[in-house]
Amino acid sequence: MPSNEQRRQAAKRKLERQLARRAERAKRRRIWGVTITVAVVVAAVGVVYWLVNLGPDGEASTNPDDTAAAKTTKGACGYKEDTTSSAPKKVGLPDDPAETPKTGTVNVTLTTGQGEIPIALDRAKAPCTVQSMEFLVKKKFFDNTNCHRLTASAGLKVLQCGDPEGTGAGGPGYSIPDELPTDLAAGPTGQDGSPTVIYPRGVVAMANAGANTGGSQFFLVYGDSTLPPNYTVFGTMDATGLATVDKIAAAGITPGQNGAEDGAPVTPVTISSAVVK
């Protein structure tokens, strides 16, 4: 008869196998969005930070790198067609010149039923991302789309938009290379030793499902948020935009599968138009 210690070790090995299988399934799945999977409480400083989850459940990998027939633009950015993601609005691939502009800003205004959200897109921080977002705006990709997700935890305060389906699974049919931030303040180190940074109030960043999988979904940070440095920062909101997002956040969240602090905004947020000013 096995001893108590042997039974504990067997149970531990079984749990490790289950976690490994879950991690492998998650690696093969994809969702366009910042989805909470782990909330790690750092006891020394009392900070909660959030990592990325992949989905949808039960689907095989839709990473654009896994699609042999995918097209890739030949310019400086190398936008990659994603033939397997959900893309109900077909806009093609962005123009991709040999030299992508790396200076200046592109001013975009999102008009919503809750107010305007002006955003200054910064070419110096993320030239390929700004080029793609300007392309999508001019194609009216964001018109009549919903901001489908709002979070309000101690360590993550963002409004997520840019999915034409409004589910967190849609995109433009292509992916953007990462242009990760290098100038954000360091956050607390995770229990596994992984680094985090502070995405400050007012910045706008790309959501993704892993390296080089950004598309059209983005998140508006309305409160300092602690995250891994895995999300391209490509712009900032002005005072008017922050006031609009603050109003949306103050109206509350319809709890989703991740709890009361993560779900759809109580007040529906539809981007009626996005225009370059």
Protein backbone atom coordinates (compact mmCIF):
# COMPACT_ATOMS: atom_id res chain seq x y z
CA MET A 1 0.00 0.00 0.00
CA PRO A 2 1.48 3.39 -0.95
CA SER A 3 2.44 5.72 1.84
CA ASN A 4 0.93 9.18 2.32
CA GLU A 5 4.09 10.71 0.87
CA GLN A 6 3.88 8.49 -2.21
CA ARG A 7 0.24 9.44 -2.70
CA ARG A 8 1.11 13.13 -2.43
CA GLN A 9 3.89 12.79 -4.97
CA ALA A 10 1.61 10.90 -7.36
CA ALA A 11 -1.05 13.58 -7.03
CA LYS A 12 1.55 16.27 -7.64
CA ARG A 13 2.79 14.54 -10.80
CA LYS A 14 -0.79 14.17 -12.04
CA LEU A 15 -1.46 17.87 -11.48
CA GLU A 16 1.75 18.83 -13.28
CA ARG A 17 0.73 16.70 -16.27
CA GLN A 18 -2.71 18.34 -16.33
CA LEU A 19 -1.20 21.82 -16.20
CA ALA A 20 1.24 20.95 -18.98
CA ARG A 21 -1.59 19.70 -21.19
CA ARG A 22 -3.61 22.85 -20.49
CA ALA A 23 -0.62 25.04 -21.32
CA GLU A 24 -0.08 23.21 -24.58
CA ARG A 25 -3.75 23.58 -25.53
CA ALA A 26 -3.60 27.27 -24.69
CA LYS A 27 -0.50 27.67 -26.85
CA ARG A 28 -2.39 26.26 -29.82
CA ARG A 29 -5.33 28.59 -29.38
CA ARG A 30 -5.83 32.22 -30.14
CA ILE A 31 -7.97 35.21 -29.34
CA TRP A 32 -7.38 38.77 -30.44
CA GLY A 33 -7.26 40.44 -27.10
CA VAL A 34 -5.80 40.94 -23.72
CA THR A 35 -7.47 38.16 -21.69
CA ILE A 36 -6.78 37.50 -18.06
CA THR A 37 -5.34 34.11 -17.16
CA VAL A 38 -3.24 34.72 -14.09
CA ALA A 39 -3.54 37.27 -11.31
CA VAL A 40 -0.36 37.12 -9.26
CA VAL A 41 -0.41 38.94 -5.94
CA VAL A 42 3.03 40.30 -5.16
CA ALA A 43 2.83 40.33 -1.37
CA ALA A 44 5.70 42.73 -0.84
CA VAL A 45 3.98 45.57 -2.66
CA GLY A 46 0.38 44.39 -2.86
CA VAL A 47 0.23 44.61 -6.67
CA VAL A 48 -1.90 42.40 -8.92
CA TYR A 49 -0.77 41.90 -12.48
CA TRP A 50 -2.35 40.10 -15.37
CA LEU A 51 -1.00 37.90 -18.16
CA VAL A 52 -2.38 36.85 -21.53
CA ASN A 53 -4.74 33.96 -22.27
CA LEU A 54 -5.21 32.37 -25.68
CA GLY A 55 -8.48 31.10 -27.19
CA PRO A 56 -11.01 30.32 -28.50
CA ASP A 57 -11.56 26.98 -26.80
CA GLY A 58 -10.86 23.88 -28.79
CA GLU A 59 -9.45 25.58 -31.88
CA ALA A 60 -6.18 24.65 -33.52
CA SER A 61 -3.46 27.26 -33.84
CA THR A 62 -4.34 30.29 -35.90
CA ASN A 63 -0.97 31.96 -35.57
CA PRO A 64 -0.32 33.52 -38.98
CA ASP A 65 3.15 31.95 -38.99
CA ASP A 66 1.44 28.54 -39.16
CA THR A 67 -0.25 29.31 -42.48
CA ALA A 68 2.06 28.35 -45.32
CA ALA A 69 -0.01 30.13 -47.98
CA ALA A 70 -0.14 33.46 -46.12
CA LYS A 71 1.06 36.53 -48.01
CA THR A 72 3.58 38.93 -46.52
CA THR A 73 4.15 42.50 -47.68
CA LYS A 74 7.64 43.23 -48.96
CA GLY A 75 8.25 46.62 -47.34
CA ALA A 76 9.83 47.63 -44.07
CA CYS A 77 7.02 46.25 -41.89
CA GLY A 78 6.23 42.86 -43.41
CA TYR A 79 2.52 42.69 -42.59
CA LYS A 80 1.49 39.05 -42.71
CA GLU A 81 -1.85 37.84 -44.00
CA ASP A 82 -3.76 35.71 -41.51
CA THR A 83 -5.99 33.44 -43.54
CA THR A 84 -7.33 31.59 -40.50
CA SER A 85 -8.53 34.40 -38.23
CA SER A 86 -12.04 35.79 -38.25
CA ALA A 87 -12.05 38.88 -40.50
CA PRO A 88 -15.61 39.90 -41.38
CA LYS A 89 -14.41 43.24 -42.77
CA LYS A 90 -12.14 42.53 -45.70
CA VAL A 91 -9.71 45.40 -46.27
CA GLY A 92 -6.66 43.69 -47.72
CA LEU A 93 -3.10 44.37 -46.62
CA PRO A 94 -1.74 47.85 -45.85
CA ASP A 95 0.68 49.59 -48.18
CA ASP A 96 4.18 48.81 -46.97
CA PRO A 97 6.87 51.10 -48.38
CA ALA A 98 10.56 50.34 -48.13
CA GLU A 99 10.87 53.30 -45.73
CA THR A 100 8.05 53.64 -43.22
CA PRO A 101 7.74 57.14 -41.68
CA LYS A 102 9.27 57.22 -38.20
CA THR A 103 8.57 60.78 -37.12
CA GLY A 104 5.48 62.84 -36.43
CA THR A 105 2.00 61.98 -35.25
CA VAL A 106 -1.29 60.96 -36.80
CA ASN A 107 -4.30 62.41 -34.99
CA VAL A 108 -7.33 60.12 -34.93
CA THR A 109 -10.68 60.79 -33.29
CA LEU A 110 -12.97 57.96 -32.24
CA THR A 111 -16.55 59.15 -32.00
CA THR A 112 -18.66 57.06 -29.63
CA GLY A 113 -22.10 57.34 -28.12
CA GLN A 114 -20.38 58.24 -24.84
CA GLY A 115 -18.23 61.01 -26.27
CA GLU A 116 -15.16 61.55 -28.42
CA ILE A 117 -11.81 59.87 -27.81
CA PRO A 118 -9.02 61.77 -29.60
CA ILE A 119 -5.79 59.76 -29.92
CA ALA A 120 -2.36 60.94 -31.08
CA LEU A 121 -0.63 58.06 -32.88
CA ASP A 122 3.15 58.32 -32.43
CA ARG A 123 5.20 57.17 -35.42
CA ALA A 124 8.44 57.34 -33.44
CA LYS A 125 7.23 54.75 -30.94
CA ALA A 126 5.63 52.31 -33.38
CA PRO A 127 5.92 53.24 -37.08
CA CYS A 128 4.54 49.98 -38.48
CA THR A 129 1.63 49.91 -36.03
CA VAL A 130 0.74 53.56 -36.72
CA GLN A 131 0.91 52.94 -40.46
CA SER A 132 -1.49 50.00 -40.09
CA MET A 133 -3.90 51.82 -37.80
CA GLU A 134 -4.04 54.81 -40.16
CA PHE A 135 -4.78 52.41 -43.00
CA LEU A 136 -7.63 50.79 -41.06
CA VAL A 137 -9.09 54.14 -40.05
CA LYS A 138 -9.09 55.36 -43.66
CA LYS A 139 -10.74 52.09 -44.72
CA LYS A 140 -13.48 52.81 -42.11
CA PHE A 141 -12.64 49.50 -40.48
CA PHE A 142 -13.49 50.74 -36.99
CA ASP A 143 -16.78 52.42 -37.93
CA ASN A 144 -19.78 50.85 -36.18
CA THR A 145 -17.69 48.54 -34.02
CA ASN A 146 -18.04 48.01 -30.27
CA CYS A 147 -15.58 48.38 -27.43
CA HIS A 148 -16.32 44.95 -26.08
CA ARG A 149 -14.28 44.73 -22.91
CA LEU A 150 -13.67 46.75 -19.77
CA THR A 151 -11.43 45.82 -16.83
CA ALA A 152 -11.26 47.49 -13.44
CA SER A 153 -8.91 45.50 -11.21
CA ALA A 154 -6.26 47.00 -8.97
CA GLY A 155 -3.58 46.24 -11.56
CA LEU A 156 -5.42 46.49 -14.89
CA LYS A 157 -7.72 49.32 -15.98
CA VAL A 158 -8.35 49.25 -19.71
CA LEU A 159 -11.12 49.57 -22.29
CA GLN A 160 -10.58 47.25 -25.24
CA CYS A 161 -11.84 48.05 -28.73
CA GLY A 162 -11.15 47.30 -32.38
CA ASP A 163 -12.86 43.94 -32.91
CA PRO A 164 -15.38 44.11 -35.78
CA GLU A 165 -17.23 41.16 -34.24
CA GLY A 166 -17.35 42.60 -30.73
CA THR A 167 -16.42 39.24 -29.23
CA GLY A 168 -12.67 39.50 -28.79
CA ALA A 169 -12.02 37.01 -31.61
CA GLY A 170 -12.02 39.26 -34.70
CA GLY A 171 -9.31 41.07 -36.58
CA PRO A 172 -8.36 42.67 -39.89
CA GLY A 173 -7.09 39.51 -41.59
CA TYR A 174 -3.42 40.30 -41.11
CA SER A 175 -0.88 40.69 -38.31
CA ILE A 176 1.50 43.48 -37.34
CA PRO A 177 5.07 42.96 -36.10
CA ASP A 178 5.64 43.86 -32.48
CA GLU A 179 7.24 47.20 -31.65
CA LEU A 180 7.54 46.72 -27.92
CA PRO A 181 8.08 49.58 -25.49
CA THR A 182 11.50 50.14 -23.93
CA ASP A 183 10.78 53.29 -21.94
CA LEU A 184 8.08 52.21 -19.48
CA ALA A 185 8.73 52.17 -15.75
CA ALA A 186 9.46 48.77 -14.27
CA GLY A 187 6.74 47.05 -12.32
CA PRO A 188 7.06 44.41 -9.60
CA THR A 189 8.74 41.16 -10.53
CA GLY A 190 6.35 38.26 -10.80
CA GLN A 191 6.57 35.26 -8.52
CA ASP A 192 8.03 33.31 -11.45
CA GLY A 193 10.72 35.97 -11.90
CA SER A 194 9.14 37.46 -15.03
CA PRO A 195 9.37 41.25 -15.51
CA THR A 196 6.43 43.62 -15.65
CA VAL A 197 6.13 47.29 -16.58
CA ILE A 198 3.63 50.02 -15.86
CA TYR A 199 1.43 51.04 -18.79
CA PRO A 200 0.50 54.52 -17.57
CA ARG A 201 -2.89 56.17 -17.67
CA GLY A 202 -3.54 57.68 -21.07
CA VAL A 203 -1.52 55.35 -23.31
CA VAL A 204 -3.02 53.29 -26.13
CA ALA A 205 -1.54 49.88 -26.91
CA MET A 206 -2.14 46.91 -29.16
CA ALA A 207 -3.81 43.79 -27.83
CA ASN A 208 -2.36 40.50 -29.01
CA ALA A 209 -2.35 36.75 -28.57
CA GLY A 210 1.40 36.33 -28.45
CA ALA A 211 4.45 37.60 -30.27
CA ASN A 212 3.76 39.41 -33.57
CA THR A 213 0.01 38.71 -33.58
CA GLY A 214 -1.38 42.23 -33.19
CA GLY A 215 -4.11 43.17 -35.64
CA SER A 216 -6.88 45.70 -35.07
CA GLN A 217 -7.70 45.29 -31.39
CA PHE A 218 -6.29 47.88 -29.02
CA PHE A 219 -6.74 48.95 -25.42
CA LEU A 220 -7.16 52.37 -23.86
CA VAL A 221 -5.48 52.63 -20.45
CA TYR A 222 -7.52 54.74 -18.03
CA GLY A 223 -5.52 53.79 -14.92
CA ASP A 224 -1.91 52.72 -14.44
CA SER A 225 -1.78 49.03 -15.37
CA THR A 226 0.85 46.41 -14.56
CA LEU A 227 1.55 44.03 -17.44
CA PRO A 228 4.39 42.14 -19.07
CA PRO A 229 6.21 44.39 -21.60
CA ASN A 230 4.55 42.52 -24.47
CA TYR A 231 2.19 45.13 -25.90
CA THR A 232 3.07 47.77 -28.46
CA VAL A 233 2.38 51.32 -27.27
CA PHE A 234 1.44 53.40 -30.29
CA GLY A 235 -0.38 56.45 -29.00
CA THR A 236 -1.88 58.53 -26.22
CA MET A 237 -5.31 59.92 -25.36
CA ASP A 238 -5.82 63.57 -24.55
CA ALA A 239 -7.89 64.96 -21.67
CA THR A 240 -11.10 64.72 -23.66
CA GLY A 241 -10.51 61.07 -24.47
CA LEU A 242 -9.63 60.22 -20.89
CA ALA A 243 -12.79 61.93 -19.64
CA THR A 244 -14.86 59.80 -22.03
CA VAL A 245 -13.19 56.56 -20.97
CA ASP A 246 -13.47 57.53 -17.29
CA LYS A 247 -17.22 58.01 -17.77
CA ILE A 248 -17.51 54.60 -19.43
CA ALA A 249 -15.55 52.97 -16.60
CA ALA A 250 -17.60 54.73 -13.91
CA ALA A 251 -20.81 53.24 -15.36
CA GLY A 252 -19.57 49.79 -14.44
CA ILE A 253 -18.94 46.33 -15.86
CA THR A 254 -21.24 43.48 -16.75
CA PRO A 255 -19.26 40.60 -15.17
CA GLY A 256 -17.84 38.08 -17.62
CA GLN A 257 -16.25 34.68 -17.26
CA ASN A 258 -13.22 36.19 -15.50
CA GLY A 259 -15.23 37.77 -12.69
CA ALA A 260 -16.80 41.05 -11.68
CA GLU A 261 -13.78 43.16 -12.67
CA ASP A 262 -13.66 42.02 -16.30
CA GLY A 263 -16.49 42.04 -18.83
CA ALA A 264 -18.52 44.17 -21.20
CA PRO A 265 -19.14 47.81 -20.27
CA VAL A 266 -22.56 48.29 -18.66
CA THR A 267 -23.03 51.26 -20.97
CA PRO A 268 -22.62 50.03 -24.58
CA VAL A 269 -19.72 51.72 -26.36
CA THR A 270 -20.00 51.84 -30.14
CA ILE A 271 -17.43 53.61 -32.29
CA SER A 272 -19.69 55.26 -34.84
CA SER A 273 -16.72 56.65 -36.74
CA ALA A 274 -12.95 56.85 -36.61
CA VAL A 275 -11.33 59.60 -38.68
CA VAL A 276 -7.90 61.06 -39.24
CA LYS A 277 -8.03 64.73 -38.25
